[in-house]
Each structure stands twice: as structure tokens, then as C-alpha cells.
N, C-alpha and C. Protein backbone atom coordinates (compact mmCIF):
# COMPACT_ATOMS: atom_id res chain seq x y z
N MET A 1 30.16 26.71 26.92
CA MET A 1 29.96 25.42 26.34
C MET A 1 28.88 25.52 25.25
N ALA A 2 29.19 25.07 24.06
CA ALA A 2 28.29 25.16 22.93
C ALA A 2 27.27 24.02 22.96
N GLU A 3 26.04 24.39 22.60
CA GLU A 3 25.00 23.37 22.54
C GLU A 3 25.03 22.66 21.20
N ARG A 4 24.84 21.37 21.24
CA ARG A 4 24.77 20.61 20.00
C ARG A 4 23.32 20.37 19.64
N LYS A 5 22.99 20.74 18.45
CA LYS A 5 21.63 20.49 17.98
C LYS A 5 21.61 19.10 17.35
N THR A 6 20.67 18.35 17.74
CA THR A 6 20.50 17.04 17.13
C THR A 6 19.30 17.10 16.21
N THR A 7 19.50 16.65 15.01
CA THR A 7 18.41 16.61 14.06
C THR A 7 17.93 15.18 13.94
N LYS A 8 16.64 15.05 14.00
CA LYS A 8 16.04 13.72 13.89
C LYS A 8 15.99 13.33 12.42
N LYS A 9 16.58 12.19 12.10
CA LYS A 9 16.56 11.73 10.72
C LYS A 9 15.21 11.12 10.41
N LEU A 10 14.74 11.40 9.21
CA LEU A 10 13.48 10.85 8.76
C LEU A 10 13.68 9.39 8.39
N GLU A 11 12.87 8.53 8.97
CA GLU A 11 12.96 7.10 8.68
C GLU A 11 11.96 6.73 7.60
N ILE A 12 12.39 5.94 6.65
CA ILE A 12 11.51 5.49 5.57
C ILE A 12 11.52 3.96 5.51
N VAL A 13 10.52 3.40 4.87
CA VAL A 13 10.47 1.98 4.64
C VAL A 13 10.67 1.77 3.14
N GLU A 14 11.73 1.06 2.78
CA GLU A 14 12.04 0.81 1.38
C GLU A 14 11.98 -0.68 1.11
N PRO A 15 11.05 -1.13 0.25
CA PRO A 15 10.99 -2.55 -0.05
C PRO A 15 12.23 -2.99 -0.83
N ILE A 16 12.61 -4.25 -0.63
CA ILE A 16 13.79 -4.83 -1.27
C ILE A 16 13.32 -5.96 -2.18
N GLY A 17 14.03 -6.18 -3.28
CA GLY A 17 13.68 -7.27 -4.20
C GLY A 17 12.46 -6.89 -5.01
N ALA A 18 11.71 -7.89 -5.44
CA ALA A 18 10.53 -7.66 -6.27
C ALA A 18 9.30 -7.44 -5.39
N ARG A 19 9.33 -6.34 -4.63
CA ARG A 19 8.26 -6.05 -3.69
C ARG A 19 7.86 -4.57 -3.76
N VAL A 20 6.66 -4.32 -3.27
CA VAL A 20 6.16 -2.94 -3.15
C VAL A 20 5.59 -2.77 -1.75
N LEU A 21 5.60 -1.52 -1.30
CA LEU A 21 4.98 -1.16 -0.02
C LEU A 21 3.64 -0.52 -0.35
N ILE A 22 2.58 -1.03 0.27
CA ILE A 22 1.25 -0.48 0.00
C ILE A 22 0.59 -0.04 1.30
N ARG A 23 -0.35 0.88 1.17
CA ARG A 23 -1.23 1.24 2.28
C ARG A 23 -2.60 0.73 1.90
N LYS A 24 -3.05 -0.27 2.62
CA LYS A 24 -4.32 -0.92 2.34
C LYS A 24 -5.47 0.05 2.62
N ASP A 25 -6.46 0.06 1.74
CA ASP A 25 -7.66 0.86 1.99
C ASP A 25 -8.37 0.30 3.21
N GLU A 26 -9.11 1.14 3.88
CA GLU A 26 -9.83 0.72 5.09
C GLU A 26 -10.95 -0.25 4.71
N ASP A 27 -11.16 -1.25 5.59
CA ASP A 27 -12.26 -2.17 5.39
C ASP A 27 -13.57 -1.40 5.51
N ARG A 28 -14.54 -1.82 4.71
CA ARG A 28 -15.82 -1.11 4.70
C ARG A 28 -16.71 -1.63 5.79
N LYS A 29 -17.46 -0.72 6.38
CA LYS A 29 -18.43 -1.07 7.42
C LYS A 29 -19.85 -0.90 6.91
N GLN A 30 -19.97 -0.68 5.59
CA GLN A 30 -21.27 -0.48 4.98
C GLN A 30 -21.26 -1.13 3.60
N THR A 31 -22.36 -1.76 3.22
CA THR A 31 -22.45 -2.38 1.90
C THR A 31 -22.70 -1.30 0.86
N LYS A 32 -22.57 -1.67 -0.40
CA LYS A 32 -22.81 -0.70 -1.48
C LYS A 32 -24.24 -0.18 -1.49
N THR A 33 -25.17 -0.97 -0.98
CA THR A 33 -26.56 -0.55 -0.96
C THR A 33 -26.88 0.30 0.27
N GLY A 34 -25.88 0.54 1.15
CA GLY A 34 -26.08 1.44 2.28
C GLY A 34 -26.39 0.76 3.60
N ILE A 35 -26.34 -0.55 3.64
CA ILE A 35 -26.62 -1.26 4.89
C ILE A 35 -25.39 -1.19 5.79
N HIS A 36 -25.56 -0.66 7.01
CA HIS A 36 -24.46 -0.58 7.97
C HIS A 36 -24.29 -1.94 8.63
N LEU A 37 -23.03 -2.39 8.70
CA LEU A 37 -22.73 -3.70 9.30
C LEU A 37 -22.41 -3.55 10.77
N PRO A 38 -22.68 -4.61 11.55
CA PRO A 38 -22.29 -4.57 12.97
C PRO A 38 -20.79 -4.39 13.11
N ASP A 39 -20.34 -3.88 14.27
CA ASP A 39 -18.94 -3.59 14.50
C ASP A 39 -18.01 -4.77 14.25
N LYS A 40 -18.46 -5.99 14.55
CA LYS A 40 -17.59 -7.16 14.40
C LYS A 40 -17.50 -7.67 12.97
N ILE A 41 -18.34 -7.14 12.08
CA ILE A 41 -18.34 -7.60 10.70
C ILE A 41 -17.81 -6.48 9.80
N GLU A 42 -16.86 -6.83 8.96
CA GLU A 42 -16.31 -5.87 7.99
C GLU A 42 -16.19 -6.58 6.65
N ILE A 43 -16.30 -5.83 5.57
CA ILE A 43 -16.06 -6.37 4.25
C ILE A 43 -14.57 -6.20 3.98
N PRO A 44 -13.83 -7.31 3.86
CA PRO A 44 -12.38 -7.18 3.65
C PRO A 44 -12.08 -6.43 2.36
N THR A 45 -11.11 -5.56 2.45
CA THR A 45 -10.71 -4.76 1.30
C THR A 45 -9.40 -5.30 0.72
N LEU A 46 -9.38 -5.45 -0.55
CA LEU A 46 -8.18 -5.95 -1.23
C LEU A 46 -7.60 -4.89 -2.14
N THR A 47 -7.86 -3.63 -1.82
CA THR A 47 -7.33 -2.53 -2.60
C THR A 47 -6.45 -1.66 -1.71
N GLY A 48 -5.59 -0.91 -2.36
CA GLY A 48 -4.70 -0.01 -1.63
C GLY A 48 -3.94 0.89 -2.58
N ARG A 49 -3.06 1.69 -2.03
CA ARG A 49 -2.21 2.60 -2.81
C ARG A 49 -0.76 2.20 -2.61
N ILE A 50 0.01 2.29 -3.68
CA ILE A 50 1.44 2.01 -3.60
C ILE A 50 2.12 3.20 -2.94
N VAL A 51 2.84 2.92 -1.86
CA VAL A 51 3.57 3.95 -1.14
C VAL A 51 5.02 4.02 -1.64
N ALA A 52 5.62 2.86 -1.85
CA ALA A 52 7.01 2.80 -2.32
C ALA A 52 7.22 1.55 -3.17
N ILE A 53 8.12 1.67 -4.12
CA ILE A 53 8.46 0.57 -5.03
C ILE A 53 9.94 0.28 -4.90
N SER A 54 10.29 -1.01 -4.87
CA SER A 54 11.72 -1.34 -4.79
C SER A 54 12.43 -0.92 -6.07
N ALA A 55 13.73 -0.73 -5.98
CA ALA A 55 14.53 -0.33 -7.16
C ALA A 55 14.43 -1.40 -8.25
N GLN A 56 14.35 -2.65 -7.87
CA GLN A 56 14.25 -3.74 -8.84
C GLN A 56 12.96 -3.64 -9.66
N VAL A 57 11.85 -3.40 -9.00
CA VAL A 57 10.58 -3.28 -9.70
C VAL A 57 10.55 -2.00 -10.53
N ASP A 58 11.07 -0.91 -10.01
CA ASP A 58 11.10 0.37 -10.71
C ASP A 58 11.87 0.27 -12.01
N ALA A 59 12.92 -0.53 -12.03
CA ALA A 59 13.77 -0.67 -13.23
C ALA A 59 13.21 -1.68 -14.23
N ASP A 60 12.20 -2.44 -13.86
CA ASP A 60 11.67 -3.51 -14.71
C ASP A 60 10.45 -2.99 -15.48
N ASP A 61 10.56 -2.94 -16.80
CA ASP A 61 9.46 -2.44 -17.64
C ASP A 61 8.27 -3.38 -17.68
N ASP A 62 8.42 -4.62 -17.20
CA ASP A 62 7.30 -5.56 -17.18
C ASP A 62 6.26 -5.20 -16.12
N TYR A 63 6.61 -4.30 -15.22
CA TYR A 63 5.68 -3.90 -14.16
C TYR A 63 5.30 -2.43 -14.34
N PRO A 64 4.17 -2.17 -14.98
CA PRO A 64 3.76 -0.78 -15.24
C PRO A 64 3.05 -0.14 -14.06
N ILE A 65 3.71 -0.13 -12.93
CA ILE A 65 3.13 0.46 -11.73
C ILE A 65 4.03 1.59 -11.24
N ARG A 66 3.39 2.57 -10.60
CA ARG A 66 4.13 3.72 -10.08
C ARG A 66 3.68 4.00 -8.66
N GLN A 67 4.46 4.81 -7.99
CA GLN A 67 4.07 5.24 -6.65
C GLN A 67 2.73 5.97 -6.73
N TYR A 68 1.88 5.74 -5.75
CA TYR A 68 0.56 6.32 -5.60
C TYR A 68 -0.52 5.67 -6.48
N ASP A 69 -0.16 4.67 -7.29
CA ASP A 69 -1.18 3.96 -8.05
C ASP A 69 -2.11 3.25 -7.09
N ARG A 70 -3.39 3.22 -7.43
CA ARG A 70 -4.36 2.43 -6.66
C ARG A 70 -4.40 1.05 -7.28
N ILE A 71 -4.31 0.00 -6.45
CA ILE A 71 -4.17 -1.35 -6.96
C ILE A 71 -5.16 -2.31 -6.30
N LEU A 72 -5.35 -3.43 -6.95
CA LEU A 72 -6.05 -4.59 -6.40
C LEU A 72 -4.96 -5.62 -6.15
N PHE A 73 -4.95 -6.24 -4.97
CA PHE A 73 -3.85 -7.16 -4.66
C PHE A 73 -4.35 -8.40 -3.96
N ASN A 74 -3.55 -9.46 -4.06
CA ASN A 74 -3.80 -10.71 -3.36
C ASN A 74 -3.09 -10.60 -2.01
N PRO A 75 -3.82 -10.68 -0.90
CA PRO A 75 -3.21 -10.46 0.41
C PRO A 75 -2.51 -11.68 1.02
N LYS A 76 -2.45 -12.79 0.27
CA LYS A 76 -1.92 -14.04 0.83
C LYS A 76 -0.49 -13.90 1.37
N HIS A 77 0.38 -13.17 0.65
CA HIS A 77 1.78 -13.04 1.06
C HIS A 77 2.11 -11.68 1.67
N ALA A 78 1.08 -10.91 2.02
CA ALA A 78 1.30 -9.57 2.56
C ALA A 78 1.97 -9.63 3.93
N ILE A 79 3.00 -8.82 4.11
CA ILE A 79 3.71 -8.76 5.39
C ILE A 79 3.36 -7.42 6.04
N PRO A 80 2.69 -7.44 7.20
CA PRO A 80 2.33 -6.18 7.85
C PRO A 80 3.55 -5.42 8.35
N VAL A 81 3.51 -4.10 8.24
CA VAL A 81 4.58 -3.23 8.70
C VAL A 81 4.02 -2.26 9.72
N GLU A 82 4.45 -2.38 10.97
CA GLU A 82 4.05 -1.42 12.00
C GLU A 82 5.03 -0.26 11.90
N PHE A 83 4.56 0.89 11.44
CA PHE A 83 5.45 2.02 11.22
C PHE A 83 4.73 3.30 11.61
N GLU A 84 5.24 3.95 12.64
CA GLU A 84 4.69 5.22 13.11
C GLU A 84 3.20 5.16 13.33
N GLY A 85 2.73 4.07 13.92
CA GLY A 85 1.31 3.95 14.27
C GLY A 85 0.40 3.61 13.11
N ASP A 86 0.94 3.45 11.90
CA ASP A 86 0.13 3.12 10.72
C ASP A 86 0.02 1.60 10.64
N ASN A 87 -1.15 1.05 10.88
CA ASN A 87 -1.31 -0.40 10.86
C ASN A 87 -1.90 -0.91 9.55
N ARG A 88 -1.90 -0.07 8.51
CA ARG A 88 -2.42 -0.49 7.20
C ARG A 88 -1.30 -0.62 6.15
N LEU A 89 -0.05 -0.56 6.59
CA LEU A 89 1.07 -0.71 5.65
C LEU A 89 1.43 -2.19 5.51
N PHE A 90 1.68 -2.60 4.25
CA PHE A 90 2.05 -3.97 3.97
C PHE A 90 3.11 -3.99 2.87
N VAL A 91 4.06 -4.92 2.98
CA VAL A 91 5.00 -5.18 1.90
C VAL A 91 4.47 -6.43 1.21
N ILE A 92 4.30 -6.34 -0.11
CA ILE A 92 3.79 -7.48 -0.87
C ILE A 92 4.69 -7.74 -2.07
N PRO A 93 4.78 -9.00 -2.49
CA PRO A 93 5.50 -9.30 -3.73
C PRO A 93 4.79 -8.65 -4.90
N VAL A 94 5.53 -8.16 -5.84
CA VAL A 94 4.92 -7.46 -6.97
C VAL A 94 4.00 -8.40 -7.76
N GLU A 95 4.26 -9.70 -7.70
CA GLU A 95 3.40 -10.66 -8.38
C GLU A 95 1.99 -10.69 -7.78
N ASP A 96 1.85 -10.22 -6.53
CA ASP A 96 0.52 -10.20 -5.89
C ASP A 96 -0.28 -8.96 -6.26
N VAL A 97 0.29 -8.05 -7.04
CA VAL A 97 -0.47 -6.93 -7.58
C VAL A 97 -1.19 -7.49 -8.80
N VAL A 98 -2.52 -7.57 -8.72
CA VAL A 98 -3.26 -8.23 -9.80
C VAL A 98 -3.92 -7.25 -10.76
N ALA A 99 -4.06 -5.99 -10.36
CA ALA A 99 -4.66 -4.98 -11.24
C ALA A 99 -4.30 -3.59 -10.76
N VAL A 100 -4.27 -2.65 -11.71
CA VAL A 100 -4.04 -1.25 -11.40
C VAL A 100 -5.25 -0.47 -11.91
N PHE A 101 -5.78 0.41 -11.06
CA PHE A 101 -6.91 1.24 -11.45
C PHE A 101 -6.38 2.43 -12.25
N ARG A 102 -6.88 2.59 -13.46
CA ARG A 102 -6.47 3.72 -14.32
C ARG A 102 -7.72 4.51 -14.74
N ALA A 103 -7.52 5.76 -14.98
CA ALA A 103 -8.62 6.61 -15.46
C ALA A 103 -8.91 6.25 -16.91
N GLY A 104 -10.18 6.08 -17.23
CA GLY A 104 -10.56 5.78 -18.61
C GLY A 104 -10.57 7.05 -19.44
N THR A 105 -10.66 6.88 -20.74
CA THR A 105 -10.71 8.02 -21.64
C THR A 105 -12.07 8.05 -22.31
N ASP A 106 -12.54 9.26 -22.57
CA ASP A 106 -13.80 9.43 -23.30
C ASP A 106 -13.47 9.52 -24.78
N ASP A 107 -13.98 8.56 -25.54
CA ASP A 107 -13.70 8.57 -26.99
C ASP A 107 -14.91 9.03 -27.76
């Protein structure tokens, strides 16, 4: 009797419509001046990295964003995605991306 090998398919999260999948940066437990905050207090972070972009956004030249861009976003419409233990993934409308961090140039 022959053994059947089963291969586990890799599961991905693909945003649909005018949305992107982001991984939110961790909330800070320390202020910029170095003061450590108590465990119950965190400075909310509104930045993250784009993990995936929907086909609609990728095809639209009005949205100059790419996978792995670091962004500033409005979390009001963020939908949390529990995926493989990662609790920092969110699907957000592309309109909620308010800024992209880019490297400056030395002139």
C-alpha cells in the first residue's frame, strides 16, 4: 500500500477592494525622553508596514504605495485579522493611509 504525502498549503491573507493589509507597529512603553510607562499605559501607535495590497489598489496610480512601505494610518476603520497568532494585522481602507515614510535625499 502506497503512502500519500499531504502537503500543507500556505495560507495568505489578500485584501479585497480598495484595502491594504498592514502590520501595526508595537505600542510604545517608553516616551521619547526615556520615561518608562506603567504596564497598563501605552502610547498608541498609528504606524505600520504594508504586508499586502489589493489588486485594485495596486493597479491604481493614484495610490503610490507598495508592499513593505512604512505608513501612518487612521485606525478608525481598521479590521483586526487574527492570523497564525499575529495580533497586529489589520485590513484598512486605502483612504485611511494618510502618509508614507520615504527616505529623504541629500542635496
